[in-house]
């Protein structure tokens, strides 16, 4: 079973995403804020198959989590997907240049997000 960490402070979106992933037979760990997410990512890094992380969170944003994990673990084998409400091209470009697998806007239909994640 594949292990996915979902880090998102939007509890409704996080719940919908996690429940959908669970129904698709993924093992999901969820974090309600960036600090818990970073801690869980560090603790379970070797067992994770994917990290899905909201960009726009208070105090510690998704870019900071991504950078900290890359600094701590040097070369990453775990794909990282940014989720955000920001549809600006510059934000998308920054995420991809940093090494993220995907950068998805939350305005996408949930099933489109799940399709991209699972392919």
PDB file of N, CA and C in Angstrom:
ATOM      1  N   UNK A   1       0.851  -1.184   0.000  1.00  0.00           N
ATOM      2  CA  UNK A   1       0.000   0.000   0.000  1.00  0.00           C
ATOM      3  C   UNK A   1       0.892   1.241   0.000  1.00  0.00           C
ATOM      4  N   UNK A   2       0.564   2.204  -0.845  1.00  0.00           N
ATOM      5  CA  UNK A   2       1.350   3.429  -0.940  1.00  0.00           C
ATOM      6  C   UNK A   2       0.977   4.399   0.177  1.00  0.00           C
ATOM      7  N   UNK A   3       1.989   5.070   0.707  1.00  0.00           N
ATOM      8  CA  UNK A   3       1.814   6.011   1.816  1.00  0.00           C
ATOM      9  C   UNK A   3       1.902   7.446   1.310  1.00  0.00           C
ATOM     10  N   UNK A   4       0.879   8.231   1.634  1.00  0.00           N
ATOM     11  CA  UNK A   4       0.806   9.619   1.211  1.00  0.00           C
ATOM     12  C   UNK A   4       0.632  10.512   2.434  1.00  0.00           C
ATOM     13  N   UNK A   5       1.412  11.579   2.486  1.00  0.00           N
ATOM     14  CA  UNK A   5       1.257  12.600   3.518  1.00  0.00           C
ATOM     15  C   UNK A   5       0.573  13.805   2.892  1.00  0.00           C
ATOM     16  N   UNK A   6      -0.537  14.232   3.485  1.00  0.00           N
ATOM     17  CA  UNK A   6      -1.268  15.409   3.023  1.00  0.00           C
ATOM     18  C   UNK A   6      -1.118  16.494   4.082  1.00  0.00           C
ATOM     19  N   UNK A   7      -0.559  17.636   3.675  1.00  0.00           N
ATOM     20  CA  UNK A   7      -0.369  18.774   4.580  1.00  0.00           C
ATOM     21  C   UNK A   7      -1.216  19.929   4.056  1.00  0.00           C
ATOM     22  N   UNK A   8      -2.252  20.270   4.806  1.00  0.00           N
ATOM     23  CA  UNK A   8      -3.148  21.345   4.360  1.00  0.00           C
ATOM     24  C   UNK A   8      -3.915  21.886   5.557  1.00  0.00           C
ATOM     25  N   UNK A   9      -3.899  23.200   5.728  1.00  0.00           N
ATOM     26  CA  UNK A   9      -4.615  23.807   6.852  1.00  0.00           C
ATOM     27  C   UNK A   9      -6.101  24.012   6.552  1.00  0.00           C
ATOM     28  N   UNK A  10      -6.526  23.794   5.320  1.00  0.00           N
ATOM     29  CA  UNK A  10      -7.946  23.879   4.958  1.00  0.00           C
ATOM     30  C   UNK A  10      -8.591  22.537   5.290  1.00  0.00           C
ATOM     31  N   UNK A  11      -9.267  22.470   6.434  1.00  0.00           N
ATOM     32  CA  UNK A  11      -9.743  21.178   6.924  1.00  0.00           C
ATOM     33  C   UNK A  11     -10.774  20.530   6.013  1.00  0.00           C
ATOM     34  N   UNK A  12     -11.587  21.286   5.326  1.00  0.00           N
ATOM     35  CA  UNK A  12     -12.593  20.693   4.435  1.00  0.00           C
ATOM     36  C   UNK A  12     -11.916  20.084   3.220  1.00  0.00           C
ATOM     37  N   UNK A  13     -11.038  20.828   2.583  1.00  0.00           N
ATOM     38  CA  UNK A  13     -10.337  20.294   1.413  1.00  0.00           C
ATOM     39  C   UNK A  13      -9.491  19.091   1.806  1.00  0.00           C
ATOM     40  N   UNK A  14      -8.772  19.192   2.926  1.00  0.00           N
ATOM     41  CA  UNK A  14      -7.932  18.087   3.387  1.00  0.00           C
ATOM     42  C   UNK A  14      -8.765  16.836   3.637  1.00  0.00           C
ATOM     43  N   UNK A  15      -9.914  17.010   4.271  1.00  0.00           N
ATOM     44  CA  UNK A  15     -10.795  15.871   4.549  1.00  0.00           C
ATOM     45  C   UNK A  15     -11.246  15.202   3.244  1.00  0.00           C
ATOM     46  N   UNK A  16     -11.717  15.993   2.286  1.00  0.00           N
ATOM     47  CA  UNK A  16     -12.187  15.436   1.014  1.00  0.00           C
ATOM     48  C   UNK A  16     -11.068  14.714   0.268  1.00  0.00           C
ATOM     49  N   UNK A  17      -9.909  15.331   0.225  1.00  0.00           N
ATOM     50  CA  UNK A  17      -8.780  14.721  -0.462  1.00  0.00           C
ATOM     51  C   UNK A  17      -8.363  13.417   0.223  1.00  0.00           C
ATOM     52  N   UNK A  18      -8.230  13.452   1.533  1.00  0.00           N
ATOM     53  CA  UNK A  18      -7.807  12.258   2.278  1.00  0.00           C
ATOM     54  C   UNK A  18      -8.811  11.129   2.145  1.00  0.00           C
ATOM     55  N   UNK A  19     -10.082  11.437   2.273  1.00  0.00           N
ATOM     56  CA  UNK A  19     -11.105  10.397   2.148  1.00  0.00           C
ATOM     57  C   UNK A  19     -11.100   9.780   0.748  1.00  0.00           C
ATOM     58  N   UNK A  20     -10.909  10.591  -0.249  1.00  0.00           N
ATOM     59  CA  UNK A  20     -10.843  10.073  -1.619  1.00  0.00           C
ATOM     60  C   UNK A  20      -9.631   9.169  -1.806  1.00  0.00           C
ATOM     61  N   UNK A  21      -8.503   9.567  -1.254  1.00  0.00           N
ATOM     62  CA  UNK A  21      -7.296   8.746  -1.369  1.00  0.00           C
ATOM     63  C   UNK A  21      -7.444   7.430  -0.611  1.00  0.00           C
ATOM     64  N   UNK A  22      -8.067   7.475   0.552  1.00  0.00           N
ATOM     65  CA  UNK A  22      -8.300   6.261   1.338  1.00  0.00           C
ATOM     66  C   UNK A  22      -9.193   5.293   0.561  1.00  0.00           C
ATOM     67  N   UNK A  23     -10.227   5.812  -0.075  1.00  0.00           N
ATOM     68  CA  UNK A  23     -11.121   4.959  -0.876  1.00  0.00           C
ATOM     69  C   UNK A  23     -10.398   4.340  -2.062  1.00  0.00           C
ATOM     70  N   UNK A  24      -9.302   4.958  -2.464  1.00  0.00           N
ATOM     71  CA  UNK A  24      -8.502   4.430  -3.567  1.00  0.00           C
ATOM     72  C   UNK A  24      -7.382   3.518  -3.044  1.00  0.00           C
ATOM     73  N   UNK A  25      -7.492   3.117  -1.784  1.00  0.00           N
ATOM     74  CA  UNK A  25      -6.580   2.175  -1.132  1.00  0.00           C
ATOM     75  C   UNK A  25      -5.176   2.717  -0.866  1.00  0.00           C
ATOM     76  N   UNK A  26      -5.062   4.010  -0.633  1.00  0.00           N
ATOM     77  CA  UNK A  26      -3.805   4.583  -0.186  1.00  0.00           C
ATOM     78  C   UNK A  26      -3.845   4.689   1.329  1.00  0.00           C
ATOM     79  N   UNK A  27      -2.685   4.566   1.948  1.00  0.00           N
ATOM     80  CA  UNK A  27      -2.579   4.849   3.381  1.00  0.00           C
ATOM     81  C   UNK A  27      -2.247   6.333   3.492  1.00  0.00           C
ATOM     82  N   UNK A  28      -3.086   7.083   4.196  1.00  0.00           N
ATOM     83  CA  UNK A  28      -2.949   8.536   4.242  1.00  0.00           C
ATOM     84  C   UNK A  28      -2.668   9.006   5.662  1.00  0.00           C
ATOM     85  N   UNK A  29      -1.651   9.841   5.779  1.00  0.00           N
ATOM     86  CA  UNK A  29      -1.375  10.551   7.021  1.00  0.00           C
ATOM     87  C   UNK A  29      -1.659  12.011   6.724  1.00  0.00           C
ATOM     88  N   UNK A  30      -2.369  12.669   7.634  1.00  0.00           N
ATOM     89  CA  UNK A  30      -2.712  14.064   7.369  1.00  0.00           C
ATOM     90  C   UNK A  30      -2.203  14.976   8.464  1.00  0.00           C
ATOM     91  N   UNK A  31      -1.870  16.193   8.036  1.00  0.00           N
ATOM     92  CA  UNK A  31      -1.383  17.209   8.958  1.00  0.00           C
ATOM     93  C   UNK A  31      -2.198  18.476   8.758  1.00  0.00           C
ATOM     94  N   UNK A  32      -2.692  19.027   9.874  1.00  0.00           N
ATOM     95  CA  UNK A  32      -3.567  20.197   9.831  1.00  0.00           C
ATOM     96  C   UNK A  32      -2.818  21.521   9.741  1.00  0.00           C
ATOM     97  N   UNK A  33      -1.504  21.480   9.896  1.00  0.00           N
ATOM     98  CA  UNK A  33      -0.728  22.708   9.741  1.00  0.00           C
ATOM     99  C   UNK A  33       0.690  22.362   9.293  1.00  0.00           C
ATOM    100  N   UNK A  34       1.423  23.379   8.924  1.00  0.00           N
ATOM    101  CA  UNK A  34       2.750  23.177   8.346  1.00  0.00           C
ATOM    102  C   UNK A  34       3.758  22.598   9.333  1.00  0.00           C
ATOM    103  N   UNK A  35       3.666  22.970  10.598  1.00  0.00           N
ATOM    104  CA  UNK A  35       4.634  22.478  11.572  1.00  0.00           C
ATOM    105  C   UNK A  35       4.448  20.985  11.833  1.00  0.00           C
ATOM    106  N   UNK A  36       3.207  20.555  11.968  1.00  0.00           N
ATOM    107  CA  UNK A  36       2.927  19.125  12.141  1.00  0.00           C
ATOM    108  C   UNK A  36       3.331  18.379  10.877  1.00  0.00           C
ATOM    109  N   UNK A  37       3.023  18.953   9.721  1.00  0.00           N
ATOM    110  CA  UNK A  37       3.374  18.319   8.451  1.00  0.00           C
ATOM    111  C   UNK A  37       4.868  18.118   8.293  1.00  0.00           C
ATOM    112  N   UNK A  38       5.642  19.131   8.631  1.00  0.00           N
ATOM    113  CA  UNK A  38       7.095  19.013   8.530  1.00  0.00           C
ATOM    114  C   UNK A  38       7.621  17.950   9.486  1.00  0.00           C
ATOM    115  N   UNK A  39       7.097  17.929  10.694  1.00  0.00           N
ATOM    116  CA  UNK A  39       7.505  16.922  11.669  1.00  0.00           C
ATOM    117  C   UNK A  39       7.185  15.512  11.173  1.00  0.00           C
ATOM    118  N   UNK A  40       5.947  15.305  10.677  1.00  0.00           N
ATOM    119  CA  UNK A  40       5.551  13.989  10.166  1.00  0.00           C
ATOM    120  C   UNK A  40       6.383  13.597   8.943  1.00  0.00           C
ATOM    121  N   UNK A  41       6.660  14.555   8.073  1.00  0.00           N
ATOM    122  CA  UNK A  41       7.473  14.257   6.889  1.00  0.00           C
ATOM    123  C   UNK A  41       8.871  13.793   7.294  1.00  0.00           C
ATOM    124  N   UNK A  42       9.458  14.446   8.275  1.00  0.00           N
ATOM    125  CA  UNK A  42      10.795  14.059   8.729  1.00  0.00           C
ATOM    126  C   UNK A  42      10.785  12.694   9.409  1.00  0.00           C
ATOM    127  N   UNK A  43       9.752  12.438  10.212  1.00  0.00           N
ATOM    128  CA  UNK A  43       9.667  11.170  10.940  1.00  0.00           C
ATOM    129  C   UNK A  43       9.416   9.981  10.017  1.00  0.00           C
ATOM    130  N   UNK A  44       8.624  10.189   8.987  1.00  0.00           N
ATOM    131  CA  UNK A  44       8.184   9.070   8.140  1.00  0.00           C
ATOM    132  C   UNK A  44       8.729   9.137   6.719  1.00  0.00           C
ATOM    133  N   UNK A  45       9.742   9.958   6.496  1.00  0.00           N
ATOM    134  CA  UNK A  45      10.243  10.235   5.162  1.00  0.00           C
ATOM    135  C   UNK A  45      10.562   8.965   4.371  1.00  0.00           C
ATOM    136  N   UNK A  46      11.217   8.033   5.005  1.00  0.00           N
ATOM    137  CA  UNK A  46      11.645   6.822   4.284  1.00  0.00           C
ATOM    138  C   UNK A  46      10.479   5.921   3.891  1.00  0.00           C
ATOM    139  N   UNK A  47       9.323   6.105   4.518  1.00  0.00           N
ATOM    140  CA  UNK A  47       8.157   5.280   4.206  1.00  0.00           C
ATOM    141  C   UNK A  47       7.143   5.974   3.302  1.00  0.00           C
ATOM    142  N   UNK A  48       7.401   7.216   2.924  1.00  0.00           N
ATOM    143  CA  UNK A  48       6.439   7.966   2.120  1.00  0.00           C
ATOM    144  C   UNK A  48       6.657   7.733   0.626  1.00  0.00           C
ATOM    145  N   UNK A  49       5.538   7.649  -0.100  1.00  0.00           N
ATOM    146  CA  UNK A  49       5.580   7.541  -1.557  1.00  0.00           C
ATOM    147  C   UNK A  49       5.228   8.859  -2.232  1.00  0.00           C
ATOM    148  N   UNK A  50       4.606   9.766  -1.459  1.00  0.00           N
ATOM    149  CA  UNK A  50       4.173  11.041  -2.019  1.00  0.00           C
ATOM    150  C   UNK A  50       3.859  12.009  -0.885  1.00  0.00           C
ATOM    151  N   UNK A  51       4.187  13.292  -1.100  1.00  0.00           N
ATOM    152  CA  UNK A  51       3.791  14.360  -0.185  1.00  0.00           C
ATOM    153  C   UNK A  51       2.963  15.352  -0.993  1.00  0.00           C
ATOM    154  N   UNK A  52       1.774  15.645  -0.497  1.00  0.00           N
ATOM    155  CA  UNK A  52       0.900  16.653  -1.097  1.00  0.00           C
ATOM    156  C   UNK A  52       0.806  17.784  -0.088  1.00  0.00           C
ATOM    157  N   UNK A  53       1.181  18.992  -0.503  1.00  0.00           N
ATOM    158  CA  UNK A  53       1.303  20.084   0.463  1.00  0.00           C
ATOM    159  C   UNK A  53       0.708  21.381  -0.066  1.00  0.00           C
ATOM    160  N   UNK A  54      -0.115  22.009   0.749  1.00  0.00           N
ATOM    161  CA  UNK A  54      -0.647  23.325   0.440  1.00  0.00           C
ATOM    162  C   UNK A  54       0.501  24.336   0.475  1.00  0.00           C
ATOM    163  N   UNK A  55       0.496  25.263  -0.453  1.00  0.00           N
ATOM    164  CA  UNK A  55       1.529  26.304  -0.479  1.00  0.00           C
ATOM    165  C   UNK A  55       1.220  27.396   0.529  1.00  0.00           C
ATOM    166  N   UNK A  56      -0.013  27.871   0.535  1.00  0.00           N
ATOM    167  CA  UNK A  56      -0.397  29.061   1.310  1.00  0.00           C
ATOM    168  C   UNK A  56      -0.887  28.702   2.705  1.00  0.00           C
ATOM    169  N   UNK A  57       0.063  28.596   3.629  1.00  0.00           N
ATOM    170  CA  UNK A  57      -0.274  28.328   5.024  1.00  0.00           C
ATOM    171  C   UNK A  57       0.407  29.381   5.887  1.00  0.00           C
ATOM    172  N   UNK A  58      -0.202  29.714   7.030  1.00  0.00           N
ATOM    173  CA  UNK A  58       0.399  30.741   7.900  1.00  0.00           C
ATOM    174  C   UNK A  58       1.728  30.283   8.509  1.00  0.00           C
ATOM    175  N   UNK A  59       2.590  31.216   8.723  1.00  0.00           N
ATOM    176  CA  UNK A  59       3.895  31.071   9.382  1.00  0.00           C
ATOM    177  C   UNK A  59       4.921  30.285   8.567  1.00  0.00           C
ATOM    178  N   UNK A  60       4.619  29.075   8.168  1.00  0.00           N
ATOM    179  CA  UNK A  60       5.553  28.249   7.404  1.00  0.00           C
ATOM    180  C   UNK A  60       4.820  27.757   6.165  1.00  0.00           C
ATOM    181  N   UNK A  61       5.194  28.268   4.996  1.00  0.00           N
ATOM    182  CA  UNK A  61       4.461  27.907   3.781  1.00  0.00           C
ATOM    183  C   UNK A  61       5.009  26.612   3.168  1.00  0.00           C
ATOM    184  N   UNK A  62       4.330  26.143   2.140  1.00  0.00           N
ATOM    185  CA  UNK A  62       4.712  24.900   1.491  1.00  0.00           C
ATOM    186  C   UNK A  62       6.104  24.936   0.886  1.00  0.00           C
ATOM    187  N   UNK A  63       6.512  26.099   0.346  1.00  0.00           N
ATOM    188  CA  UNK A  63       7.862  26.226  -0.203  1.00  0.00           C
ATOM    189  C   UNK A  63       8.911  26.000   0.884  1.00  0.00           C
ATOM    190  N   UNK A  64       8.649  26.519   2.078  1.00  0.00           N
ATOM    191  CA  UNK A  64       9.590  26.350   3.193  1.00  0.00           C
ATOM    192  C   UNK A  64       9.683  24.889   3.616  1.00  0.00           C
ATOM    193  N   UNK A  65       8.545  24.200   3.638  1.00  0.00           N
ATOM    194  CA  UNK A  65       8.555  22.771   3.967  1.00  0.00           C
ATOM    195  C   UNK A  65       9.382  22.017   2.931  1.00  0.00           C
ATOM    196  N   UNK A  66       9.118  22.289   1.663  1.00  0.00           N
ATOM    197  CA  UNK A  66       9.845  21.648   0.570  1.00  0.00           C
ATOM    198  C   UNK A  66      11.349  21.883   0.720  1.00  0.00           C
ATOM    199  N   UNK A  67      11.755  23.137   0.936  1.00  0.00           N
ATOM    200  CA  UNK A  67      13.179  23.463   1.071  1.00  0.00           C
ATOM    201  C   UNK A  67      13.812  22.778   2.269  1.00  0.00           C
ATOM    202  N   UNK A  68      13.103  22.741   3.383  1.00  0.00           N
ATOM    203  CA  UNK A  68      13.631  22.093   4.588  1.00  0.00           C
ATOM    204  C   UNK A  68      13.837  20.599   4.358  1.00  0.00           C
ATOM    205  N   UNK A  69      12.888  19.962   3.693  1.00  0.00           N
ATOM    206  CA  UNK A  69      13.029  18.526   3.419  1.00  0.00           C
ATOM    207  C   UNK A  69      14.175  18.265   2.452  1.00  0.00           C
ATOM    208  N   UNK A  70      14.329  19.102   1.467  1.00  0.00           N
ATOM    209  CA  UNK A  70      15.422  18.922   0.507  1.00  0.00           C
ATOM    210  C   UNK A  70      16.773  19.163   1.177  1.00  0.00           C
ATOM    211  N   UNK A  71      16.813  20.111   2.098  1.00  0.00           N
ATOM    212  CA  UNK A  71      18.055  20.409   2.821  1.00  0.00           C
ATOM    213  C   UNK A  71      18.393  19.260   3.776  1.00  0.00           C
ATOM    214  N   UNK A  72      17.403  18.776   4.479  1.00  0.00           N
ATOM    215  CA  UNK A  72      17.604  17.725   5.466  1.00  0.00           C
ATOM    216  C   UNK A  72      17.951  16.387   4.814  1.00  0.00           C
ATOM    217  N   UNK A  73      17.260  16.075   3.725  1.00  0.00           N
ATOM    218  CA  UNK A  73      17.431  14.760   3.109  1.00  0.00           C
ATOM    219  C   UNK A  73      18.234  14.806   1.814  1.00  0.00           C
ATOM    220  N   UNK A  74      18.825  15.961   1.509  1.00  0.00           N
ATOM    221  CA  UNK A  74      19.659  16.172   0.325  1.00  0.00           C
ATOM    222  C   UNK A  74      18.915  15.818  -0.969  1.00  0.00           C
ATOM    223  N   UNK A  75      19.023  14.592  -1.416  1.00  0.00           N
ATOM    224  CA  UNK A  75      18.385  14.185  -2.671  1.00  0.00           C
ATOM    225  C   UNK A  75      17.111  13.435  -2.318  1.00  0.00           C
ATOM    226  N   UNK A  76      16.017  13.891  -2.892  1.00  0.00           N
ATOM    227  CA  UNK A  76      14.733  13.309  -2.526  1.00  0.00           C
ATOM    228  C   UNK A  76      14.291  12.238  -3.508  1.00  0.00           C
ATOM    229  N   UNK A  77      13.773  11.188  -2.965  1.00  0.00           N
ATOM    230  CA  UNK A  77      13.153  10.142  -3.763  1.00  0.00           C
ATOM    231  C   UNK A  77      11.633  10.213  -3.650  1.00  0.00           C
ATOM    232  N   UNK A  78      11.140  11.105  -2.814  1.00  0.00           N
ATOM    233  CA  UNK A  78       9.700  11.215  -2.583  1.00  0.00           C
ATOM    234  C   UNK A  78       9.138  12.364  -3.430  1.00  0.00           C
ATOM    235  N   UNK A  79       8.231  12.047  -4.371  1.00  0.00           N
ATOM    236  CA  UNK A  79       7.607  13.123  -5.157  1.00  0.00           C
ATOM    237  C   UNK A  79       6.846  14.087  -4.252  1.00  0.00           C
ATOM    238  N   UNK A  80       6.844  15.345  -4.636  1.00  0.00           N
ATOM    239  CA  UNK A  80       6.213  16.405  -3.850  1.00  0.00           C
ATOM    240  C   UNK A  80       5.266  17.165  -4.762  1.00  0.00           C
ATOM    241  N   UNK A  81       4.016  17.295  -4.347  1.00  0.00           N
ATOM    242  CA  UNK A  81       3.011  18.018  -5.126  1.00  0.00           C
ATOM    243  C   UNK A  81       2.538  19.214  -4.312  1.00  0.00           C
ATOM    244  N   UNK A  82       2.640  20.405  -4.906  1.00  0.00           N
ATOM    245  CA  UNK A  82       2.105  21.605  -4.284  1.00  0.00           C
ATOM    246  C   UNK A  82       0.641  21.774  -4.672  1.00  0.00           C
ATOM    247  N   UNK A  83      -0.177  22.151  -3.696  1.00  0.00           N
ATOM    248  CA  UNK A  83      -1.572  22.532  -3.932  1.00  0.00           C
ATOM    249  C   UNK A  83      -1.729  23.983  -3.503  1.00  0.00           C
ATOM    250  N   UNK A  84      -2.453  24.762  -4.293  1.00  0.00           N
ATOM    251  CA  UNK A  84      -2.630  26.162  -3.935  1.00  0.00           C
ATOM    252  C   UNK A  84      -3.850  26.763  -4.605  1.00  0.00           C
ATOM    253  N   UNK A  85      -4.290  27.864  -4.082  1.00  0.00           N
ATOM    254  CA  UNK A  85      -5.337  28.651  -4.718  1.00  0.00           C
ATOM    255  C   UNK A  85      -4.747  29.709  -5.628  1.00  0.00           C
ATOM    256  N   UNK A  86      -3.428  29.831  -5.626  1.00  0.00           N
ATOM    257  CA  UNK A  86      -2.731  30.832  -6.429  1.00  0.00           C
ATOM    258  C   UNK A  86      -2.516  30.300  -7.843  1.00  0.00           C
ATOM    259  N   UNK A  87      -3.130  30.944  -8.816  1.00  0.00           N
ATOM    260  CA  UNK A  87      -3.034  30.484 -10.198  1.00  0.00           C
ATOM    261  C   UNK A  87      -2.011  31.276 -11.019  1.00  0.00           C
ATOM    262  N   UNK A  88      -1.187  32.082 -10.379  1.00  0.00           N
ATOM    263  CA  UNK A  88      -0.199  32.880 -11.103  1.00  0.00           C
ATOM    264  C   UNK A  88       0.903  31.987 -11.681  1.00  0.00           C
ATOM    265  N   UNK A  89       1.276  32.298 -12.904  1.00  0.00           N
ATOM    266  CA  UNK A  89       2.308  31.524 -13.603  1.00  0.00           C
ATOM    267  C   UNK A  89       3.633  31.538 -12.843  1.00  0.00           C
ATOM    268  N   UNK A  90       3.981  32.660 -12.247  1.00  0.00           N
ATOM    269  CA  UNK A  90       5.251  32.769 -11.534  1.00  0.00           C
ATOM    270  C   UNK A  90       5.335  31.771 -10.384  1.00  0.00           C
ATOM    271  N   UNK A  91       4.222  31.572  -9.685  1.00  0.00           N
ATOM    272  CA  UNK A  91       4.196  30.611  -8.576  1.00  0.00           C
ATOM    273  C   UNK A  91       4.378  29.190  -9.089  1.00  0.00           C
ATOM    274  N   UNK A  92       3.712  28.885 -10.178  1.00  0.00           N
ATOM    275  CA  UNK A  92       3.821  27.565 -10.792  1.00  0.00           C
ATOM    276  C   UNK A  92       5.267  27.309 -11.235  1.00  0.00           C
ATOM    277  N   UNK A  93       5.852  28.289 -11.908  1.00  0.00           N
ATOM    278  CA  UNK A  93       7.224  28.179 -12.397  1.00  0.00           C
ATOM    279  C   UNK A  93       8.199  27.969 -11.239  1.00  0.00           C
ATOM    280  N   UNK A  94       8.004  28.724 -10.155  1.00  0.00           N
ATOM    281  CA  UNK A  94       8.881  28.600  -8.987  1.00  0.00           C
ATOM    282  C   UNK A  94       8.841  27.179  -8.424  1.00  0.00           C
ATOM    283  N   UNK A  95       7.651  26.628  -8.278  1.00  0.00           N
ATOM    284  CA  UNK A  95       7.495  25.283  -7.710  1.00  0.00           C
ATOM    285  C   UNK A  95       8.187  24.231  -8.573  1.00  0.00           C
ATOM    286  N   UNK A  96       8.003  24.316  -9.874  1.00  0.00           N
ATOM    287  CA  UNK A  96       8.615  23.342 -10.771  1.00  0.00           C
ATOM    288  C   UNK A  96      10.138  23.500 -10.780  1.00  0.00           C
ATOM    289  N   UNK A  97      10.619  24.732 -10.776  1.00  0.00           N
ATOM    290  CA  UNK A  97      12.062  24.967 -10.739  1.00  0.00           C
ATOM    291  C   UNK A  97      12.685  24.459  -9.443  1.00  0.00           C
ATOM    292  N   UNK A  98      11.907  24.481  -8.359  1.00  0.00           N
ATOM    293  CA  UNK A  98      12.399  23.972  -7.079  1.00  0.00           C
ATOM    294  C   UNK A  98      12.531  22.448  -7.100  1.00  0.00           C
ATOM    295  N   UNK A  99      11.787  21.803  -7.994  1.00  0.00           N
ATOM    296  CA  UNK A  99      11.860  20.351  -8.095  1.00  0.00           C
ATOM    297  C   UNK A  99      10.582  19.627  -7.741  1.00  0.00           C
ATOM    298  N   UNK A 100       9.489  20.354  -7.582  1.00  0.00           N
ATOM    299  CA  UNK A 100       8.211  19.704  -7.272  1.00  0.00           C
ATOM    300  C   UNK A 100       7.748  18.891  -8.477  1.00  0.00           C
ATOM    301  N   UNK A 101       7.067  17.800  -8.205  1.00  0.00           N
ATOM    302  CA  UNK A 101       6.540  16.951  -9.268  1.00  0.00           C
ATOM    303  C   UNK A 101       5.419  17.669 -10.012  1.00  0.00           C
ATOM    304  N   UNK A 102       4.494  18.248  -9.270  1.00  0.00           N
ATOM    305  CA  UNK A 102       3.366  18.975  -9.846  1.00  0.00           C
ATOM    306  C   UNK A 102       3.044  20.192  -8.990  1.00  0.00           C
ATOM    307  N   UNK A 103       2.331  21.111  -9.590  1.00  0.00           N
ATOM    308  CA  UNK A 103       1.819  22.296  -8.913  1.00  0.00           C
ATOM    309  C   UNK A 103       0.368  22.410  -9.369  1.00  0.00           C
ATOM    310  N   UNK A 104      -0.564  22.116  -8.478  1.00  0.00           N
ATOM    311  CA  UNK A 104      -1.971  22.076  -8.839  1.00  0.00           C
ATOM    312  C   UNK A 104      -2.753  23.144  -8.094  1.00  0.00           C
ATOM    313  N   UNK A 105      -3.681  23.779  -8.787  1.00  0.00           N
ATOM    314  CA  UNK A 105      -4.526  24.761  -8.126  1.00  0.00           C
ATOM    315  C   UNK A 105      -5.751  24.068  -7.559  1.00  0.00           C
ATOM    316  N   UNK A 106      -6.193  24.558  -6.418  1.00  0.00           N
ATOM    317  CA  UNK A 106      -7.360  23.976  -5.766  1.00  0.00           C
ATOM    318  C   UNK A 106      -8.651  24.264  -6.519  1.00  0.00           C
ATOM    319  N   UNK A 107      -8.584  25.121  -7.517  1.00  0.00           N
ATOM    320  CA  UNK A 107      -9.780  25.379  -8.303  1.00  0.00           C
ATOM    321  C   UNK A 107     -10.089  24.211  -9.236  1.00  0.00           C
ATOM    322  N   UNK A 108      -9.125  23.291  -9.372  1.00  0.00           N
ATOM    323  CA  UNK A 108      -9.375  22.104 -10.178  1.00  0.00           C
ATOM    324  C   UNK A 108     -10.413  21.226  -9.492  1.00  0.00           C
ATOM    325  N   UNK A 109     -11.138  20.496 -10.273  1.00  0.00           N
ATOM    326  CA  UNK A 109     -12.068  19.507  -9.749  1.00  0.00           C
ATOM    327  C   UNK A 109     -11.271  18.448  -8.986  1.00  0.00           C
ATOM    328  N   UNK A 110     -11.768  17.994  -7.845  1.00  0.00           N
ATOM    329  CA  UNK A 110     -11.064  17.030  -7.005  1.00  0.00           C
ATOM    330  C   UNK A 110     -10.701  15.771  -7.786  1.00  0.00           C
ATOM    331  N   UNK A 111     -11.551  15.317  -8.661  1.00  0.00           N
ATOM    332  CA  UNK A 111     -11.263  14.104  -9.416  1.00  0.00           C
ATOM    333  C   UNK A 111     -10.125  14.313 -10.408  1.00  0.00           C
ATOM    334  N   UNK A 112      -9.975  15.514 -10.936  1.00  0.00           N
ATOM    335  CA  UNK A 112      -8.847  15.800 -11.811  1.00  0.00           C
ATOM    336  C   UNK A 112      -7.552  15.740 -11.012  1.00  0.00           C
ATOM    337  N   UNK A 113      -7.578  16.273  -9.806  1.00  0.00           N
ATOM    338  CA  UNK A 113      -6.403  16.219  -8.938  1.00  0.00           C
ATOM    339  C   UNK A 113      -6.030  14.768  -8.652  1.00  0.00           C
ATOM    340  N   UNK A 114      -7.018  13.954  -8.296  1.00  0.00           N
ATOM    341  CA  UNK A 114      -6.752  12.558  -7.981  1.00  0.00           C
ATOM    342  C   UNK A 114      -6.236  11.798  -9.200  1.00  0.00           C
ATOM    343  N   UNK A 115      -6.761  12.113 -10.362  1.00  0.00           N
ATOM    344  CA  UNK A 115      -6.296  11.461 -11.582  1.00  0.00           C
ATOM    345  C   UNK A 115      -4.814  11.784 -11.824  1.00  0.00           C
ATOM    346  N   UNK A 116      -4.435  13.021 -11.651  1.00  0.00           N
ATOM    347  CA  UNK A 116      -3.041  13.423 -11.854  1.00  0.00           C
ATOM    348  C   UNK A 116      -2.148  12.765 -10.835  1.00  0.00           C
ATOM    349  N   UNK A 117      -2.593  12.692  -9.593  1.00  0.00           N
ATOM    350  CA  UNK A 117      -1.801  12.077  -8.530  1.00  0.00           C
ATOM    351  C   UNK A 117      -1.562  10.600  -8.807  1.00  0.00           C
ATOM    352  N   UNK A 118      -2.564   9.927  -9.303  1.00  0.00           N
ATOM    353  CA  UNK A 118      -2.513   8.477  -9.440  1.00  0.00           C
ATOM    354  C   UNK A 118      -1.922   8.006 -10.762  1.00  0.00           C
ATOM    355  N   UNK A 119      -1.595   8.918 -11.657  1.00  0.00           N
ATOM    356  CA  UNK A 119      -1.004   8.475 -12.933  1.00  0.00           C
ATOM    357  C   UNK A 119       0.471   8.740 -12.973  1.00  0.00           C
TER     358      UNK A 119
END
